[in-house]
């Protein structure tokens, strides 16, 4: 979904992909090295702003036989 402030659909997808890969990277780290707050905020942003793109990214991972990162809703930003 394109942002009303001039962000194109392609730009939205690229931003969502960057957040998705950041989450994947954080979740691949040992628990004591993960940036939990950043990871949870990235997940919240994905759901709040890029839910359609997130669904596409997960479908792509599944189709490629890859395990998607855990992007389940756990908290909202500031909450």
Protein backbone atom coordinates (compact mmCIF):
# COMPACT_ATOMS: atom_id res chain seq x y z
CA UNK A 1 0.00 0.00 0.00
CA UNK A 2 1.51 3.30 -1.06
CA UNK A 3 1.89 5.96 1.59
CA UNK A 4 -0.17 9.12 1.02
CA UNK A 5 2.98 11.23 1.55
CA UNK A 6 4.39 10.31 -1.84
CA UNK A 7 5.86 6.87 -1.16
CA UNK A 8 5.25 4.63 -4.16
CA UNK A 9 4.13 1.01 -3.95
CA UNK A 10 7.62 -0.08 -5.01
CA UNK A 11 9.21 2.03 -2.26
CA UNK A 12 6.78 0.57 0.27
CA UNK A 13 7.80 -2.93 -0.79
CA UNK A 14 11.51 -2.11 -0.46
CA UNK A 15 11.00 -0.62 3.02
CA UNK A 16 8.95 -3.65 4.09
CA UNK A 17 11.60 -6.00 2.70
CA UNK A 18 14.33 -4.17 4.64
CA UNK A 19 12.34 -4.46 7.90
CA UNK A 20 11.59 -8.14 7.16
CA UNK A 21 15.26 -8.96 6.58
CA UNK A 22 16.26 -7.01 9.70
CA UNK A 23 13.84 -9.16 11.70
CA UNK A 24 15.24 -12.32 10.09
CA UNK A 25 18.79 -11.20 10.98
CA UNK A 26 17.91 -10.40 14.60
CA UNK A 27 16.12 -13.73 15.01
CA UNK A 28 19.15 -15.59 13.69
CA UNK A 29 21.34 -14.19 16.49
CA UNK A 30 21.86 -15.82 19.88
CA UNK A 31 19.20 -14.60 22.32
CA UNK A 32 21.65 -12.53 24.36
CA UNK A 33 22.80 -10.59 21.26
CA UNK A 34 19.37 -9.73 19.87
CA UNK A 35 18.08 -6.18 19.90
CA UNK A 36 14.65 -7.13 21.24
CA UNK A 37 13.12 -3.66 21.29
CA UNK A 38 14.20 -2.88 17.72
CA UNK A 39 12.96 -6.27 16.53
CA UNK A 40 9.55 -5.81 18.15
CA UNK A 41 9.21 -2.28 16.77
CA UNK A 42 10.13 -3.49 13.27
CA UNK A 43 7.40 -6.14 13.54
CA UNK A 44 4.89 -3.54 14.73
CA UNK A 45 5.81 -1.19 11.87
CA UNK A 46 5.43 -4.01 9.34
CA UNK A 47 1.92 -4.75 10.56
CA UNK A 48 0.90 -1.11 10.95
CA UNK A 49 2.19 0.20 7.63
CA UNK A 50 3.10 -2.72 5.37
CA UNK A 51 0.72 -5.59 6.13
CA UNK A 52 0.09 -6.39 2.44
CA UNK A 53 3.80 -6.36 1.65
CA UNK A 54 4.48 -8.57 4.68
CA UNK A 55 2.01 -11.16 3.36
CA UNK A 56 3.79 -11.13 -0.02
CA UNK A 57 7.21 -11.56 1.61
CA UNK A 58 6.01 -14.50 3.74
CA UNK A 59 4.40 -16.15 0.69
CA UNK A 60 7.66 -15.74 -1.24
CA UNK A 61 9.65 -17.38 1.54
CA UNK A 62 7.21 -20.28 1.78
CA UNK A 63 7.20 -20.76 -2.01
CA UNK A 64 11.01 -20.85 -1.99
CA UNK A 65 11.03 -23.42 0.81
CA UNK A 66 12.46 -20.94 3.31
CA UNK A 67 11.31 -20.48 6.88
CA UNK A 68 9.90 -16.96 7.28
CA UNK A 69 10.96 -15.00 10.36
CA UNK A 70 8.46 -14.86 13.22
CA UNK A 71 6.58 -11.64 12.46
CA UNK A 72 3.59 -12.31 14.70
CA UNK A 73 2.07 -9.32 16.42
CA UNK A 74 3.38 -9.08 19.97
CA UNK A 75 3.36 -5.41 20.84
CA UNK A 76 2.65 -2.05 19.33
CA UNK A 77 5.08 0.81 19.18
CA UNK A 78 5.02 2.60 22.49
CA UNK A 79 3.00 -0.23 24.05
